[in-house]
N, C-alpha and C. Protein backbone atom coordinates (compact mmCIF):
# COMPACT_ATOMS: atom_id res chain seq x y z
N MET A 1 19.52 25.88 0.51
CA MET A 1 18.42 25.06 -0.17
C MET A 1 17.19 25.13 0.80
N ASP A 2 15.97 25.44 0.07
CA ASP A 2 14.78 25.63 0.80
C ASP A 2 14.05 24.36 1.04
N HIS A 3 13.79 23.97 2.22
CA HIS A 3 13.14 22.72 2.50
C HIS A 3 11.67 22.98 3.06
N SER A 4 11.15 24.14 2.78
CA SER A 4 9.71 24.31 3.06
C SER A 4 8.79 23.47 2.52
N GLY A 5 9.01 23.12 1.31
CA GLY A 5 8.23 22.17 0.46
C GLY A 5 8.10 20.83 0.95
N LEU A 6 9.39 20.42 1.38
CA LEU A 6 9.61 19.08 1.99
C LEU A 6 8.93 18.83 3.31
N ILE A 7 9.09 20.00 4.13
CA ILE A 7 8.31 19.89 5.38
C ILE A 7 6.84 19.78 5.20
N LEU A 8 6.30 20.64 4.35
CA LEU A 8 4.76 20.57 4.05
C LEU A 8 4.48 19.13 3.55
N LEU A 9 5.27 18.53 2.69
CA LEU A 9 5.06 17.23 2.05
C LEU A 9 4.97 16.24 3.27
N ILE A 10 5.91 16.33 4.19
CA ILE A 10 5.90 15.33 5.36
C ILE A 10 4.65 15.52 6.22
N PHE A 11 4.32 16.79 6.49
CA PHE A 11 3.08 17.09 7.20
C PHE A 11 1.80 16.47 6.50
N LEU A 12 1.81 16.64 5.15
CA LEU A 12 0.51 16.16 4.44
C LEU A 12 0.56 14.63 4.30
N ALA A 13 1.63 14.08 4.52
CA ALA A 13 1.75 12.57 4.41
C ALA A 13 1.20 12.07 5.83
N PHE A 14 1.62 12.73 6.92
CA PHE A 14 0.96 12.32 8.21
C PHE A 14 -0.49 12.59 8.25
N LEU A 15 -0.88 13.70 7.68
CA LEU A 15 -2.36 14.06 7.71
C LEU A 15 -3.08 13.06 6.84
N PHE A 16 -2.49 12.69 5.66
CA PHE A 16 -3.13 11.65 4.87
C PHE A 16 -3.29 10.32 5.41
N ALA A 17 -2.11 9.88 6.14
CA ALA A 17 -2.08 8.62 6.90
C ALA A 17 -3.13 8.51 7.98
N TRP A 18 -3.30 9.65 8.61
CA TRP A 18 -4.31 9.71 9.76
C TRP A 18 -5.69 9.57 9.20
N GLY A 19 -5.90 10.38 8.04
CA GLY A 19 -7.28 10.33 7.49
C GLY A 19 -7.62 8.85 6.92
N LEU A 20 -6.60 8.34 6.23
CA LEU A 20 -6.79 7.12 5.63
C LEU A 20 -7.01 5.97 6.73
N ASN A 21 -6.40 6.07 7.82
CA ASN A 21 -6.54 5.11 8.90
C ASN A 21 -8.11 5.13 9.35
N LYS A 22 -8.61 6.39 9.49
CA LYS A 22 -9.98 6.58 9.76
C LYS A 22 -10.93 5.81 8.79
N VAL A 23 -10.70 6.18 7.46
CA VAL A 23 -11.38 5.61 6.39
C VAL A 23 -11.19 4.13 6.16
N ARG A 24 -10.03 3.59 6.57
CA ARG A 24 -9.76 2.18 6.44
C ARG A 24 -10.61 1.40 7.54
N LYS A 25 -10.91 1.83 8.59
CA LYS A 25 -11.70 1.31 9.57
C LYS A 25 -13.11 1.21 9.14
N TRP A 26 -13.52 2.32 8.54
CA TRP A 26 -14.93 2.47 8.04
C TRP A 26 -15.18 1.61 6.80
N MET A 27 -14.23 1.54 5.86
CA MET A 27 -14.41 0.71 4.67
C MET A 27 -13.85 -0.63 4.80
N ARG A 28 -13.22 -0.98 5.86
CA ARG A 28 -12.69 -2.26 6.21
C ARG A 28 -11.66 -2.79 5.15
N PHE A 29 -10.74 -1.85 4.85
CA PHE A 29 -9.58 -2.09 4.14
C PHE A 29 -8.65 -2.97 4.97
N GLY A 30 -7.87 -3.97 4.22
CA GLY A 30 -6.95 -4.77 4.87
C GLY A 30 -5.55 -4.09 4.79
N PRO A 31 -4.72 -4.72 5.38
CA PRO A 31 -3.27 -4.14 5.51
C PRO A 31 -2.67 -3.98 4.10
N ILE A 32 -2.89 -4.89 3.28
CA ILE A 32 -2.36 -4.73 1.89
C ILE A 32 -2.85 -3.60 1.16
N ALA A 33 -4.14 -3.33 1.22
CA ALA A 33 -4.85 -2.15 0.54
C ALA A 33 -4.26 -0.89 1.09
N TYR A 34 -4.09 -0.88 2.56
CA TYR A 34 -3.65 0.30 3.15
C TYR A 34 -2.17 0.64 2.76
N THR A 35 -1.30 -0.46 2.59
CA THR A 35 0.00 -0.22 2.31
C THR A 35 0.07 0.18 0.81
N GLY A 36 -0.64 -0.23 0.02
CA GLY A 36 -0.60 0.06 -1.35
C GLY A 36 -1.04 1.45 -1.68
N ILE A 37 -2.10 1.95 -0.98
CA ILE A 37 -2.44 3.36 -1.06
C ILE A 37 -1.34 4.36 -0.54
N MET A 38 -0.66 3.92 0.59
CA MET A 38 0.35 4.74 1.15
C MET A 38 1.64 4.80 0.15
N VAL A 39 1.92 3.65 -0.39
CA VAL A 39 3.11 3.69 -1.33
C VAL A 39 2.71 4.61 -2.58
N THR A 40 1.56 4.33 -3.09
CA THR A 40 1.11 5.26 -4.26
C THR A 40 1.13 6.68 -3.81
N PHE A 41 0.71 7.00 -2.69
CA PHE A 41 0.68 8.45 -2.18
C PHE A 41 2.06 9.01 -2.11
N ALA A 42 3.02 8.13 -1.53
CA ALA A 42 4.38 8.50 -1.45
C ALA A 42 4.99 8.80 -2.87
N ILE A 43 4.83 7.93 -3.78
CA ILE A 43 5.35 8.08 -5.06
C ILE A 43 4.90 9.38 -5.85
N VAL A 44 3.54 9.56 -5.73
CA VAL A 44 2.98 10.64 -6.45
C VAL A 44 3.37 11.92 -5.65
N MET A 45 3.58 12.06 -4.42
CA MET A 45 4.01 13.24 -3.68
C MET A 45 5.39 13.37 -3.96
N LEU A 46 6.31 12.46 -4.05
CA LEU A 46 7.70 12.71 -4.29
C LEU A 46 7.91 13.11 -5.77
N ALA A 47 7.10 12.59 -6.66
CA ALA A 47 7.11 13.02 -8.09
C ALA A 47 6.79 14.51 -8.30
N LEU A 48 5.68 14.98 -7.49
CA LEU A 48 5.23 16.24 -7.55
C LEU A 48 6.43 17.23 -6.91
N TYR A 49 7.01 16.72 -5.81
CA TYR A 49 8.08 17.55 -5.13
C TYR A 49 9.28 17.64 -6.13
N THR A 50 9.65 16.65 -6.72
CA THR A 50 10.76 16.68 -7.62
C THR A 50 10.46 17.58 -8.84
N GLN A 51 9.28 17.49 -9.34
CA GLN A 51 8.97 18.51 -10.48
C GLN A 51 8.90 19.84 -10.14
N SER A 52 8.61 20.25 -8.87
CA SER A 52 8.63 21.63 -8.35
C SER A 52 10.01 22.10 -8.15
N GLN A 53 10.99 21.22 -8.01
CA GLN A 53 12.35 21.66 -7.72
C GLN A 53 13.17 21.97 -8.93
N ARG A 54 12.57 21.82 -10.24
CA ARG A 54 13.31 22.12 -11.40
C ARG A 54 13.37 23.66 -11.62
């Protein structure tokens, strides 16, 4: 089983979280908004990953 896509997905998630943390401080997002964005990102990325596995 090839896990290269999953490894890339995890890397992109960390990169997205780092970038969102920088933007969150600039735009003054609260913890609820930050959590909502991260959950949405995770759901979308997992949906894209599962679609590519078919």
